[in-house]
Amino acid sequence: MSESVQGAVPGAVPGLAVAEEVREALAGGVPVVALESTIIAHGLPRPRNLAVARELEELVRASGAVPATVAVLDGVPHVGLGKEGLERIATDPGLRKFGFRDLAPALATGASGATTVSGTAFLAARAGVRIFATGGLGGVHREWTTTQDESADLALLSRTRITVVCAGVKSILDVPATLERLETLGVGVLGYRTAEFPGFYLTSSGRPVDWTVREPAEVAAVMRAQDALGGLDSALIVANPVPPEQQLDPALHDRVLAEALAAAERAGITGQALTPYLLNHLVEQTQGASLEANLAAVRGNVRLAAQIAAHWAGGGAAGEPA
């Protein structure tokens, strides 16, 4: 094990290592926010990724909550990383990318990897963490009728009681189809101060949301109503748009994405390789502007998640609304 101050949570995943700070926060009713590690290990260039990892954790702390970055190290699932663990996630070139389905073989073989949305949501929920902040969700891929390609995020969220604060789904995906799929799966979607579903890099995807909330306390109220209703243990998505002044220029986004899709088709790139290919193409062809929009969205989501977590924990507002 790479972290020494760990403990198990009764009823949780066997061998789940929960950082002492996170464990004490959960026991004491202190707000906790889960953070994924894939953006750090695979989504950002080094050494900036470590600086961003530390920044996101500090944003959570600045709002009065405790960060719980999730990863698997040497076959041990961690909810909350210390200094050594965070540095390893940011610097180890051999780390894999683990979704939910990868967790069992990873634990059995002692493998190490950063967790995606599905892997993070599962482990965080099993540790008792209810709020999770990320950038954008996976979803239904374009040309689904031909490829049948759909992110594991959706099915996992349909059976995991966790609130995910995000900037919508990645704009390289089929957003209308993803929203339809979320509806079919019974996953609730709230627009935060918006009547339109965000477009990840863009403030709006142009698609409406059925429910809009304006304050973190309203999200916590929906979460309590969700529990009171019972039924399926599905997730709640809080769709928080990137501010208009920080979004990627919509015309540039549309042009570069069309070029990326055409280039991927010519190169025969499909399956798991397609998403990183398209995202890398966007970063390169926008001279890094898409990456900055992504980070702006993540920062806003982390702040909002901490505020929601404070109301959920019953500790009042943590800072001011973003």
C-alpha atoms as a PDB file:
ATOM      1  CA  MET A   1       0.000   0.000   0.000  1.00  0.00           C
ATOM      2  CA  SER A   2       1.296   3.426  -0.895  1.00  0.00           C
ATOM      3  CA  GLU A   3      -0.594   5.369   1.772  1.00  0.00           C
ATOM      4  CA  SER A   4      -0.098   4.644   5.451  1.00  0.00           C
ATOM      5  CA  VAL A   5      -3.007   6.532   7.010  1.00  0.00           C
ATOM      6  CA  GLN A   6      -5.894   4.480   5.738  1.00  0.00           C
ATOM      7  CA  GLY A   7      -8.867   2.657   7.142  1.00  0.00           C
ATOM      8  CA  ALA A   8     -11.700   0.452   6.078  1.00  0.00           C
ATOM      9  CA  VAL A   9     -15.346   1.464   5.999  1.00  0.00           C
ATOM     10  CA  PRO A  10     -17.809  -1.106   7.380  1.00  0.00           C
ATOM     11  CA  GLY A  11     -19.923  -2.560   4.560  1.00  0.00           C
ATOM     12  CA  ALA A  12     -17.703  -1.076   1.875  1.00  0.00           C
ATOM     13  CA  VAL A  13     -15.608  -2.761  -0.814  1.00  0.00           C
ATOM     14  CA  PRO A  14     -13.194  -5.247   0.840  1.00  0.00           C
ATOM     15  CA  GLY A  15      -9.767  -3.649   1.004  1.00  0.00           C
ATOM     16  CA  LEU A  16     -11.097  -0.179   0.212  1.00  0.00           C
ATOM     17  CA  ALA A  17      -8.600   2.296   1.652  1.00  0.00           C
ATOM     18  CA  VAL A  18     -10.198   5.501   2.858  1.00  0.00           C
ATOM     19  CA  ALA A  19      -7.834   8.285   3.869  1.00  0.00           C
ATOM     20  CA  GLU A  20      -7.979   9.106   7.564  1.00  0.00           C
ATOM     21  CA  GLU A  21      -9.054  12.688   6.876  1.00  0.00           C
ATOM     22  CA  VAL A  22     -11.909  11.502   4.665  1.00  0.00           C
ATOM     23  CA  ARG A  23     -12.989   8.823   7.116  1.00  0.00           C
ATOM     24  CA  GLU A  24     -13.082  11.286  10.005  1.00  0.00           C
ATOM     25  CA  ALA A  25     -14.980  13.825   7.902  1.00  0.00           C
ATOM     26  CA  LEU A  26     -17.632  11.284   6.964  1.00  0.00           C
ATOM     27  CA  ALA A  27     -17.999  10.168  10.570  1.00  0.00           C
ATOM     28  CA  GLY A  28     -18.222  13.758  11.800  1.00  0.00           C
ATOM     29  CA  GLY A  29     -20.654  15.110   9.225  1.00  0.00           C
ATOM     30  CA  VAL A  30     -18.015  17.255   7.515  1.00  0.00           C
ATOM     31  CA  PRO A  31     -18.625  17.818   3.756  1.00  0.00           C
ATOM     32  CA  VAL A  32     -16.622  15.561   1.427  1.00  0.00           C
ATOM     33  CA  VAL A  33     -16.201  15.834  -2.354  1.00  0.00           C
ATOM     34  CA  ALA A  34     -14.895  12.975  -4.502  1.00  0.00           C
ATOM     35  CA  LEU A  35     -12.563  13.812  -7.393  1.00  0.00           C
ATOM     36  CA  GLU A  36     -11.592  11.580 -10.294  1.00  0.00           C
ATOM     37  CA  SER A  37      -7.950  10.924 -11.117  1.00  0.00           C
ATOM     38  CA  THR A  38      -8.081  10.258 -14.872  1.00  0.00           C
ATOM     39  CA  ILE A  39      -7.968  13.953 -15.689  1.00  0.00           C
ATOM     40  CA  ILE A  40      -4.707  14.151 -13.732  1.00  0.00           C
ATOM     41  CA  ALA A  41      -3.046  10.986 -15.039  1.00  0.00           C
ATOM     42  CA  HIS A  42      -4.257  11.074 -18.645  1.00  0.00           C
ATOM     43  CA  GLY A  43      -5.950  14.387 -19.362  1.00  0.00           C
ATOM     44  CA  LEU A  44      -3.259  16.976 -18.705  1.00  0.00           C
ATOM     45  CA  PRO A  45       0.401  17.443 -19.650  1.00  0.00           C
ATOM     46  CA  ARG A  46       3.114  17.036 -17.032  1.00  0.00           C
ATOM     47  CA  PRO A  47       4.039  18.809 -14.796  1.00  0.00           C
ATOM     48  CA  ARG A  48       0.915  20.953 -14.987  1.00  0.00           C
ATOM     49  CA  ASN A  49      -1.253  17.988 -14.047  1.00  0.00           C
ATOM     50  CA  LEU A  50       0.170  17.829 -10.516  1.00  0.00           C
ATOM     51  CA  ALA A  51      -0.359  21.567 -10.027  1.00  0.00           C
ATOM     52  CA  VAL A  52      -3.972  21.182 -11.164  1.00  0.00           C
ATOM     53  CA  ALA A  53      -4.505  18.170  -8.880  1.00  0.00           C
ATOM     54  CA  ARG A  54      -3.345  20.204  -5.915  1.00  0.00           C
ATOM     55  CA  GLU A  55      -5.381  23.210  -7.042  1.00  0.00           C
ATOM     56  CA  LEU A  56      -8.614  21.203  -7.261  1.00  0.00           C
ATOM     57  CA  GLU A  57      -8.114  19.747  -3.802  1.00  0.00           C
ATOM     58  CA  GLU A  58      -7.415  23.237  -2.453  1.00  0.00           C
ATOM     59  CA  LEU A  59     -10.602  24.577  -4.049  1.00  0.00           C
ATOM     60  CA  VAL A  60     -12.541  21.940  -2.119  1.00  0.00           C
ATOM     61  CA  ARG A  61     -10.776  22.856   1.122  1.00  0.00           C
ATOM     62  CA  ALA A  62     -11.292  26.576   0.554  1.00  0.00           C
ATOM     63  CA  SER A  63     -15.039  25.929   0.554  1.00  0.00           C
ATOM     64  CA  GLY A  64     -14.875  24.096   3.865  1.00  0.00           C
ATOM     65  CA  ALA A  65     -15.023  20.542   2.509  1.00  0.00           C
ATOM     66  CA  VAL A  66     -12.579  17.635   2.385  1.00  0.00           C
ATOM     67  CA  PRO A  67     -11.308  16.379  -1.002  1.00  0.00           C
ATOM     68  CA  ALA A  68     -11.289  12.648  -1.738  1.00  0.00           C
ATOM     69  CA  THR A  69      -9.331  11.962  -4.911  1.00  0.00           C
ATOM     70  CA  VAL A  70      -9.983   8.388  -6.044  1.00  0.00           C
ATOM     71  CA  ALA A  71      -7.494   5.976  -7.637  1.00  0.00           C
ATOM     72  CA  VAL A  72      -6.236   2.383  -7.508  1.00  0.00           C
ATOM     73  CA  LEU A  73      -2.623   1.914  -6.431  1.00  0.00           C
ATOM     74  CA  ASP A  74      -0.964  -1.503  -6.350  1.00  0.00           C
ATOM     75  CA  GLY A  75      -4.321  -3.243  -6.351  1.00  0.00           C
ATOM     76  CA  VAL A  76      -5.727  -1.139  -3.520  1.00  0.00           C
ATOM     77  CA  PRO A  77      -8.663   1.217  -4.232  1.00  0.00           C
ATOM     78  CA  HIS A  78      -8.145   4.567  -2.522  1.00  0.00           C
ATOM     79  CA  VAL A  79     -10.732   7.189  -1.642  1.00  0.00           C
ATOM     80  CA  GLY A  80      -8.578  10.126  -0.647  1.00  0.00           C
ATOM     81  CA  LEU A  81      -4.883  10.399  -1.483  1.00  0.00           C
ATOM     82  CA  GLY A  82      -2.042  11.834   0.543  1.00  0.00           C
ATOM     83  CA  LYS A  83       0.849  13.825  -0.909  1.00  0.00           C
ATOM     84  CA  GLU A  84       2.702  10.718  -2.087  1.00  0.00           C
ATOM     85  CA  GLY A  85      -0.344   9.184  -3.749  1.00  0.00           C
ATOM     86  CA  LEU A  86      -1.286  12.380  -5.566  1.00  0.00           C
ATOM     87  CA  GLU A  87       2.259  12.786  -6.857  1.00  0.00           C
ATOM     88  CA  ARG A  88       2.275   9.215  -8.097  1.00  0.00           C
ATOM     89  CA  ILE A  89      -0.965   9.699 -10.006  1.00  0.00           C
ATOM     90  CA  ALA A  90       0.535  12.737 -11.708  1.00  0.00           C
ATOM     91  CA  THR A  91       3.984  11.344 -12.491  1.00  0.00           C
ATOM     92  CA  ASP A  92       3.778   7.564 -13.014  1.00  0.00           C
ATOM     93  CA  PRO A  93       3.726   6.960 -16.796  1.00  0.00           C
ATOM     94  CA  GLY A  94       2.626   3.357 -16.318  1.00  0.00           C
ATOM     95  CA  LEU A  95      -0.771   4.110 -14.788  1.00  0.00           C
ATOM     96  CA  ARG A  96      -3.727   2.620 -16.595  1.00  0.00           C
ATOM     97  CA  LYS A  97      -7.257   3.995 -16.880  1.00  0.00           C
ATOM     98  CA  PHE A  98      -9.848   2.096 -14.817  1.00  0.00           C
ATOM     99  CA  GLY A  99     -13.590   2.190 -15.286  1.00  0.00           C
ATOM    100  CA  PHE A 100     -15.906   0.165 -13.067  1.00  0.00           C
ATOM    101  CA  ARG A 101     -15.440  -3.061 -15.018  1.00  0.00           C
ATOM    102  CA  ASP A 102     -11.654  -2.848 -14.600  1.00  0.00           C
ATOM    103  CA  LEU A 103     -11.718  -2.658 -10.808  1.00  0.00           C
ATOM    104  CA  ALA A 104     -11.995  -6.373 -10.047  1.00  0.00           C
ATOM    105  CA  PRO A 105      -9.084  -7.477 -12.274  1.00  0.00           C
ATOM    106  CA  ALA A 106      -7.034  -4.492 -11.082  1.00  0.00           C
ATOM    107  CA  LEU A 107      -7.527  -5.456  -7.450  1.00  0.00           C
ATOM    108  CA  ALA A 108      -6.832  -9.123  -8.163  1.00  0.00           C
ATOM    109  CA  THR A 109      -3.607  -8.459 -10.069  1.00  0.00           C
ATOM    110  CA  GLY A 110      -2.232  -5.595  -7.989  1.00  0.00           C
ATOM    111  CA  ALA A 111      -2.444  -3.133 -10.869  1.00  0.00           C
ATOM    112  CA  SER A 112      -2.394   0.651 -10.598  1.00  0.00           C
ATOM    113  CA  GLY A 113      -4.527   3.133 -12.446  1.00  0.00           C
ATOM    114  CA  ALA A 114      -6.509   6.347 -12.444  1.00  0.00           C
ATOM    115  CA  THR A 115     -10.280   6.031 -12.188  1.00  0.00           C
ATOM    116  CA  THR A 116     -12.768   7.280 -14.755  1.00  0.00           C
ATOM    117  CA  VAL A 117     -16.228   8.601 -13.908  1.00  0.00           C
ATOM    118  CA  SER A 118     -17.684   5.094 -13.535  1.00  0.00           C
ATOM    119  CA  GLY A 119     -14.801   3.821 -11.421  1.00  0.00           C
ATOM    120  CA  THR A 120     -14.727   6.937  -9.261  1.00  0.00           C
ATOM    121  CA  ALA A 121     -18.480   7.043  -8.732  1.00  0.00           C
ATOM    122  CA  PHE A 122     -18.591   3.389  -7.663  1.00  0.00           C
ATOM    123  CA  LEU A 123     -15.716   3.594  -5.184  1.00  0.00           C
ATOM    124  CA  ALA A 124     -16.766   6.961  -3.763  1.00  0.00           C
ATOM    125  CA  ALA A 125     -20.317   5.749  -3.181  1.00  0.00           C
ATOM    126  CA  ARG A 126     -19.073   2.587  -1.495  1.00  0.00           C
ATOM    127  CA  ALA A 127     -17.007   4.726   0.864  1.00  0.00           C
ATOM    128  CA  GLY A 128     -20.075   6.793   1.754  1.00  0.00           C
ATOM    129  CA  VAL A 129     -19.181   9.889  -0.294  1.00  0.00           C
ATOM    130  CA  ARG A 130     -22.302  11.342  -1.905  1.00  0.00           C
ATOM    131  CA  ILE A 131     -20.936  14.255  -3.989  1.00  0.00           C
ATOM    132  CA  PHE A 132     -18.577  13.885  -6.932  1.00  0.00           C
ATOM    133  CA  ALA A 133     -17.122  16.647  -9.136  1.00  0.00           C
ATOM    134  CA  THR A 134     -15.765  16.010 -12.615  1.00  0.00           C
ATOM    135  CA  GLY A 135     -15.421  17.719 -15.996  1.00  0.00           C
ATOM    136  CA  GLY A 136     -17.739  15.991 -18.428  1.00  0.00           C
ATOM    137  CA  LEU A 137     -19.518  12.641 -18.467  1.00  0.00           C
ATOM    138  CA  GLY A 138     -19.161   9.941 -21.054  1.00  0.00           C
ATOM    139  CA  GLY A 139     -22.241   9.141 -23.095  1.00  0.00           C
ATOM    140  CA  VAL A 140     -23.632   7.791 -26.333  1.00  0.00           C
ATOM    141  CA  HIS A 141     -21.158   8.071 -29.188  1.00  0.00           C
ATOM    142  CA  ARG A 142     -21.983   9.450 -32.598  1.00  0.00           C
ATOM    143  CA  GLU A 143     -22.941   6.762 -35.115  1.00  0.00           C
ATOM    144  CA  TRP A 144     -24.298   4.677 -32.257  1.00  0.00           C
ATOM    145  CA  THR A 145     -26.648   2.800 -34.560  1.00  0.00           C
ATOM    146  CA  THR A 146     -23.583   1.406 -36.325  1.00  0.00           C
ATOM    147  CA  THR A 147     -21.032   1.096 -33.507  1.00  0.00           C
ATOM    148  CA  GLN A 148     -23.257   0.481 -30.438  1.00  0.00           C
ATOM    149  CA  ASP A 149     -20.638   2.514 -28.555  1.00  0.00           C
ATOM    150  CA  GLU A 150     -21.894   3.874 -25.254  1.00  0.00           C
ATOM    151  CA  SER A 151     -19.889   4.916 -22.207  1.00  0.00           C
ATOM    152  CA  ALA A 152     -20.046   2.686 -19.142  1.00  0.00           C
ATOM    153  CA  ASP A 153     -20.647   5.877 -17.146  1.00  0.00           C
ATOM    154  CA  LEU A 154     -24.354   5.847 -17.972  1.00  0.00           C
ATOM    155  CA  ALA A 155     -25.204   2.328 -16.824  1.00  0.00           C
ATOM    156  CA  LEU A 156     -23.117   2.694 -13.670  1.00  0.00           C
ATOM    157  CA  LEU A 157     -24.837   5.962 -12.758  1.00  0.00           C
ATOM    158  CA  SER A 158     -28.218   4.301 -13.254  1.00  0.00           C
ATOM    159  CA  ARG A 159     -27.485   2.058 -10.269  1.00  0.00           C
ATOM    160  CA  THR A 160     -25.300   4.215  -8.030  1.00  0.00           C
ATOM    161  CA  ARG A 161     -26.678   6.769  -5.569  1.00  0.00           C
ATOM    162  CA  ILE A 162     -24.272   9.653  -6.027  1.00  0.00           C
ATOM    163  CA  THR A 163     -24.608  13.281  -7.126  1.00  0.00           C
ATOM    164  CA  VAL A 164     -22.301  14.187 -10.005  1.00  0.00           C
ATOM    165  CA  VAL A 165     -21.509  17.828 -10.723  1.00  0.00           C
ATOM    166  CA  CYS A 166     -20.335  18.139 -14.320  1.00  0.00           C
ATOM    167  CA  ALA A 167     -20.357  20.408 -17.369  1.00  0.00           C
ATOM    168  CA  GLY A 168     -22.595  18.061 -19.307  1.00  0.00           C
ATOM    169  CA  VAL A 169     -21.218  15.298 -21.507  1.00  0.00           C
ATOM    170  CA  LYS A 170     -18.194  15.590 -23.747  1.00  0.00           C
ATOM    171  CA  SER A 171     -19.176  17.534 -26.845  1.00  0.00           C
ATOM    172  CA  ILE A 172     -17.575  14.960 -29.131  1.00  0.00           C
ATOM    173  CA  LEU A 173     -20.501  12.664 -28.240  1.00  0.00           C
ATOM    174  CA  ASP A 174     -24.126  12.513 -29.369  1.00  0.00           C
ATOM    175  CA  VAL A 175     -25.630  14.821 -26.750  1.00  0.00           C
ATOM    176  CA  PRO A 176     -29.339  14.391 -27.659  1.00  0.00           C
ATOM    177  CA  ALA A 177     -28.978  10.594 -27.663  1.00  0.00           C
ATOM    178  CA  THR A 178     -27.157  10.714 -24.323  1.00  0.00           C
ATOM    179  CA  LEU A 179     -29.941  12.748 -22.733  1.00  0.00           C
ATOM    180  CA  GLU A 180     -32.503  10.288 -24.061  1.00  0.00           C
ATOM    181  CA  ARG A 181     -30.479   7.426 -22.631  1.00  0.00           C
ATOM    182  CA  LEU A 182     -30.239   9.112 -19.225  1.00  0.00           C
ATOM    183  CA  GLU A 183     -33.998   9.510 -19.217  1.00  0.00           C
ATOM    184  CA  THR A 184     -34.492   5.843 -20.073  1.00  0.00           C
ATOM    185  CA  LEU A 185     -32.116   4.819 -17.290  1.00  0.00           C
ATOM    186  CA  GLY A 186     -33.905   6.993 -14.745  1.00  0.00           C
ATOM    187  CA  VAL A 187     -30.947   9.258 -14.007  1.00  0.00           C
ATOM    188  CA  GLY A 188     -32.123  12.699 -12.893  1.00  0.00           C
ATOM    189  CA  VAL A 189     -30.645  15.803 -14.523  1.00  0.00           C
ATOM    190  CA  LEU A 190     -30.708  19.287 -13.004  1.00  0.00           C
ATOM    191  CA  GLY A 191     -29.515  22.365 -14.845  1.00  0.00           C
ATOM    192  CA  TYR A 192     -27.686  24.654 -12.426  1.00  0.00           C
ATOM    193  CA  ARG A 193     -28.823  28.212 -13.193  1.00  0.00           C
ATOM    194  CA  THR A 194     -29.499  27.167 -16.772  1.00  0.00           C
ATOM    195  CA  ALA A 195     -32.468  25.914 -18.775  1.00  0.00           C
ATOM    196  CA  GLU A 196     -30.137  24.341 -21.358  1.00  0.00           C
ATOM    197  CA  PHE A 197     -27.875  21.343 -20.969  1.00  0.00           C
ATOM    198  CA  PRO A 198     -24.213  22.451 -20.990  1.00  0.00           C
ATOM    199  CA  GLY A 199     -21.927  21.486 -23.854  1.00  0.00           C
ATOM    200  CA  PHE A 200     -18.738  20.694 -21.911  1.00  0.00           C
ATOM    201  CA  TYR A 201     -16.401  23.156 -23.647  1.00  0.00           C
ATOM    202  CA  LEU A 202     -19.465  25.254 -24.458  1.00  0.00           C
ATOM    203  CA  THR A 203     -21.929  26.973 -22.156  1.00  0.00           C
ATOM    204  CA  SER A 204     -24.849  25.330 -23.945  1.00  0.00           C
ATOM    205  CA  SER A 205     -25.414  22.267 -26.093  1.00  0.00           C
ATOM    206  CA  GLY A 206     -28.666  23.769 -27.327  1.00  0.00           C
ATOM    207  CA  ARG A 207     -30.702  21.020 -25.668  1.00  0.00           C
ATOM    208  CA  PRO A 208     -33.188  21.856 -22.893  1.00  0.00           C
ATOM    209  CA  VAL A 209     -33.207  20.446 -19.379  1.00  0.00           C
ATOM    210  CA  ASP A 210     -36.461  19.616 -17.605  1.00  0.00           C
ATOM    211  CA  TRP A 211     -35.433  20.988 -14.222  1.00  0.00           C
ATOM    212  CA  THR A 212     -33.462  24.070 -13.240  1.00  0.00           C
ATOM    213  CA  VAL A 213     -32.146  24.875  -9.762  1.00  0.00           C
ATOM    214  CA  ARG A 214     -30.477  28.090  -8.698  1.00  0.00           C
ATOM    215  CA  GLU A 215     -28.820  27.400  -5.351  1.00  0.00           C
ATOM    216  CA  PRO A 216     -26.736  24.573  -3.842  1.00  0.00           C
ATOM    217  CA  ALA A 217     -29.345  24.123  -1.113  1.00  0.00           C
ATOM    218  CA  GLU A 218     -31.910  23.209  -3.773  1.00  0.00           C
ATOM    219  CA  VAL A 219     -29.685  20.403  -5.017  1.00  0.00           C
ATOM    220  CA  ALA A 220     -29.328  19.050  -1.476  1.00  0.00           C
ATOM    221  CA  ALA A 221     -33.115  19.185  -1.141  1.00  0.00           C
ATOM    222  CA  VAL A 222     -33.519  17.135  -4.322  1.00  0.00           C
ATOM    223  CA  MET A 223     -31.017  14.603  -2.956  1.00  0.00           C
ATOM    224  CA  ARG A 224     -33.030  14.255   0.252  1.00  0.00           C
ATOM    225  CA  ALA A 225     -36.237  13.829  -1.732  1.00  0.00           C
ATOM    226  CA  GLN A 226     -34.479  11.196  -3.837  1.00  0.00           C
ATOM    227  CA  ASP A 227     -33.666   9.232  -0.677  1.00  0.00           C
ATOM    228  CA  ALA A 228     -37.152   9.704   0.767  1.00  0.00           C
ATOM    229  CA  LEU A 229     -38.725   8.274  -2.384  1.00  0.00           C
ATOM    230  CA  GLY A 230     -36.593   5.146  -2.252  1.00  0.00           C
ATOM    231  CA  GLY A 231     -36.649   2.980  -5.323  1.00  0.00           C
ATOM    232  CA  LEU A 232     -33.667   2.562  -7.604  1.00  0.00           C
ATOM    233  CA  ASP A 233     -30.272   3.731  -6.426  1.00  0.00           C
ATOM    234  CA  SER A 234     -29.729   6.004  -9.404  1.00  0.00           C
ATOM    235  CA  ALA A 235     -27.475   9.046  -9.583  1.00  0.00           C
ATOM    236  CA  LEU A 236     -28.345  12.720  -9.824  1.00  0.00           C
ATOM    237  CA  ILE A 237     -26.536  14.835 -12.414  1.00  0.00           C
ATOM    238  CA  VAL A 238     -26.046  18.529 -11.736  1.00  0.00           C
ATOM    239  CA  ALA A 239     -25.227  20.134 -15.077  1.00  0.00           C
ATOM    240  CA  ASN A 240     -23.168  23.253 -14.386  1.00  0.00           C
ATOM    241  CA  PRO A 241     -22.199  25.245 -17.503  1.00  0.00           C
ATOM    242  CA  VAL A 242     -18.822  26.854 -18.015  1.00  0.00           C
ATOM    243  CA  PRO A 243     -19.222  30.662 -17.877  1.00  0.00           C
ATOM    244  CA  PRO A 244     -19.749  32.205 -21.338  1.00  0.00           C
ATOM    245  CA  GLU A 245     -16.565  34.251 -21.062  1.00  0.00           C
ATOM    246  CA  GLN A 246     -14.541  31.070 -20.422  1.00  0.00           C
ATOM    247  CA  GLN A 247     -16.100  28.760 -23.007  1.00  0.00           C
ATOM    248  CA  LEU A 248     -14.373  27.702 -26.191  1.00  0.00           C
ATOM    249  CA  ASP A 249     -15.433  29.843 -29.138  1.00  0.00           C
ATOM    250  CA  PRO A 250     -18.472  27.965 -30.515  1.00  0.00           C
ATOM    251  CA  ALA A 251     -17.570  28.502 -34.177  1.00  0.00           C
ATOM    252  CA  LEU A 252     -14.009  27.307 -33.575  1.00  0.00           C
ATOM    253  CA  HIS A 253     -15.308  24.314 -31.622  1.00  0.00           C
ATOM    254  CA  ASP A 254     -17.701  23.235 -34.379  1.00  0.00           C
ATOM    255  CA  ARG A 255     -15.118  23.610 -37.140  1.00  0.00           C
ATOM    256  CA  VAL A 256     -12.327  21.766 -35.336  1.00  0.00           C
ATOM    257  CA  LEU A 257     -14.626  18.992 -34.132  1.00  0.00           C
ATOM    258  CA  ALA A 258     -15.891  18.394 -37.680  1.00  0.00           C
ATOM    259  CA  GLU A 259     -12.291  18.187 -38.878  1.00  0.00           C
ATOM    260  CA  ALA A 260     -11.396  15.794 -36.057  1.00  0.00           C
ATOM    261  CA  LEU A 261     -14.329  13.492 -36.815  1.00  0.00           C
ATOM    262  CA  ALA A 262     -13.410  13.398 -40.489  1.00  0.00           C
ATOM    263  CA  ALA A 263      -9.754  12.706 -39.700  1.00  0.00           C
ATOM    264  CA  ALA A 264     -10.692   9.865 -37.329  1.00  0.00           C
ATOM    265  CA  GLU A 265     -12.892   8.278 -39.994  1.00  0.00           C
ATOM    266  CA  ARG A 266     -10.112   8.465 -42.568  1.00  0.00           C
ATOM    267  CA  ALA A 267      -7.665   6.884 -40.127  1.00  0.00           C
ATOM    268  CA  GLY A 268     -10.128   4.156 -39.139  1.00  0.00           C
ATOM    269  CA  ILE A 269      -9.981   5.102 -35.471  1.00  0.00           C
ATOM    270  CA  THR A 270     -12.847   3.616 -33.466  1.00  0.00           C
ATOM    271  CA  GLY A 271     -13.689   2.226 -30.032  1.00  0.00           C
ATOM    272  CA  GLN A 272     -11.757   3.291 -26.958  1.00  0.00           C
ATOM    273  CA  ALA A 273      -9.121   5.047 -29.063  1.00  0.00           C
ATOM    274  CA  LEU A 274     -11.630   7.479 -30.551  1.00  0.00           C
ATOM    275  CA  THR A 275     -12.317   9.714 -27.544  1.00  0.00           C
ATOM    276  CA  PRO A 276      -8.655  10.491 -26.707  1.00  0.00           C
ATOM    277  CA  TYR A 277      -7.945  11.011 -30.397  1.00  0.00           C
ATOM    278  CA  LEU A 278     -10.729  13.576 -30.783  1.00  0.00           C
ATOM    279  CA  LEU A 279      -9.891  15.371 -27.534  1.00  0.00           C
ATOM    280  CA  ASN A 280      -6.201  15.584 -28.433  1.00  0.00           C
ATOM    281  CA  HIS A 281      -7.101  16.910 -31.883  1.00  0.00           C
ATOM    282  CA  LEU A 282      -9.228  19.626 -30.258  1.00  0.00           C
ATOM    283  CA  VAL A 283      -6.406  20.651 -27.931  1.00  0.00           C
ATOM    284  CA  GLU A 284      -3.872  20.807 -30.751  1.00  0.00           C
ATOM    285  CA  GLN A 285      -6.053  22.581 -33.297  1.00  0.00           C
ATOM    286  CA  THR A 286      -7.372  25.167 -30.828  1.00  0.00           C
ATOM    287  CA  GLN A 287      -3.858  25.878 -29.528  1.00  0.00           C
ATOM    288  CA  GLY A 288      -4.846  24.697 -26.072  1.00  0.00           C
ATOM    289  CA  ALA A 289      -8.037  26.758 -25.821  1.00  0.00           C
ATOM    290  CA  SER A 290     -10.184  23.636 -25.412  1.00  0.00           C
ATOM    291  CA  LEU A 291      -8.013  22.515 -22.501  1.00  0.00           C
ATOM    292  CA  GLU A 292      -8.429  25.874 -20.775  1.00  0.00           C
ATOM    293  CA  ALA A 293     -12.209  25.708 -21.231  1.00  0.00           C
ATOM    294  CA  ASN A 294     -12.158  22.184 -19.794  1.00  0.00           C
ATOM    295  CA  LEU A 295     -10.211  23.343 -16.735  1.00  0.00           C
ATOM    296  CA  ALA A 296     -12.497  26.334 -16.238  1.00  0.00           C
ATOM    297  CA  ALA A 297     -15.453  23.950 -16.210  1.00  0.00           C
ATOM    298  CA  VAL A 298     -13.771  21.582 -13.755  1.00  0.00           C
ATOM    299  CA  ARG A 299     -12.911  24.401 -11.353  1.00  0.00           C
ATOM    300  CA  GLY A 300     -16.490  25.638 -11.373  1.00  0.00           C
ATOM    301  CA  ASN A 301     -17.806  22.133 -10.824  1.00  0.00           C
ATOM    302  CA  VAL A 302     -15.476  21.538  -7.879  1.00  0.00           C
ATOM    303  CA  ARG A 303     -16.552  24.773  -6.195  1.00  0.00           C
ATOM    304  CA  LEU A 304     -20.231  24.007  -6.702  1.00  0.00           C
ATOM    305  CA  ALA A 305     -19.813  20.419  -5.503  1.00  0.00           C
ATOM    306  CA  ALA A 306     -18.257  21.659  -2.256  1.00  0.00           C
ATOM    307  CA  GLN A 307     -21.164  24.044  -1.713  1.00  0.00           C
ATOM    308  CA  ILE A 308     -23.696  21.276  -2.333  1.00  0.00           C
ATOM    309  CA  ALA A 309     -21.774  18.944  -0.020  1.00  0.00           C
ATOM    310  CA  ALA A 310     -21.956  21.535   2.764  1.00  0.00           C
ATOM    311  CA  HIS A 311     -25.738  21.739   2.517  1.00  0.00           C
ATOM    312  CA  TRP A 312     -26.016  17.964   2.252  1.00  0.00           C
ATOM    313  CA  ALA A 313     -23.906  17.526   5.371  1.00  0.00           C
ATOM    314  CA  GLY A 314     -26.102  20.047   7.206  1.00  0.00           C
ATOM    315  CA  GLY A 315     -23.262  22.455   7.797  1.00  0.00           C
ATOM    316  CA  GLY A 316     -24.765  25.433   5.951  1.00  0.00           C
ATOM    317  CA  ALA A 317     -23.308  27.167   2.924  1.00  0.00           C
ATOM    318  CA  ALA A 318     -19.627  26.632   2.205  1.00  0.00           C
ATOM    319  CA  GLY A 319     -18.579  29.889   0.636  1.00  0.00           C
ATOM    320  CA  GLU A 320     -20.701  31.751  -1.871  1.00  0.00           C
ATOM    321  CA  PRO A 321     -22.356  30.226  -4.936  1.00  0.00           C
ATOM    322  CA  ALA A 322     -20.102  30.140  -7.959  1.00  0.00           C
END
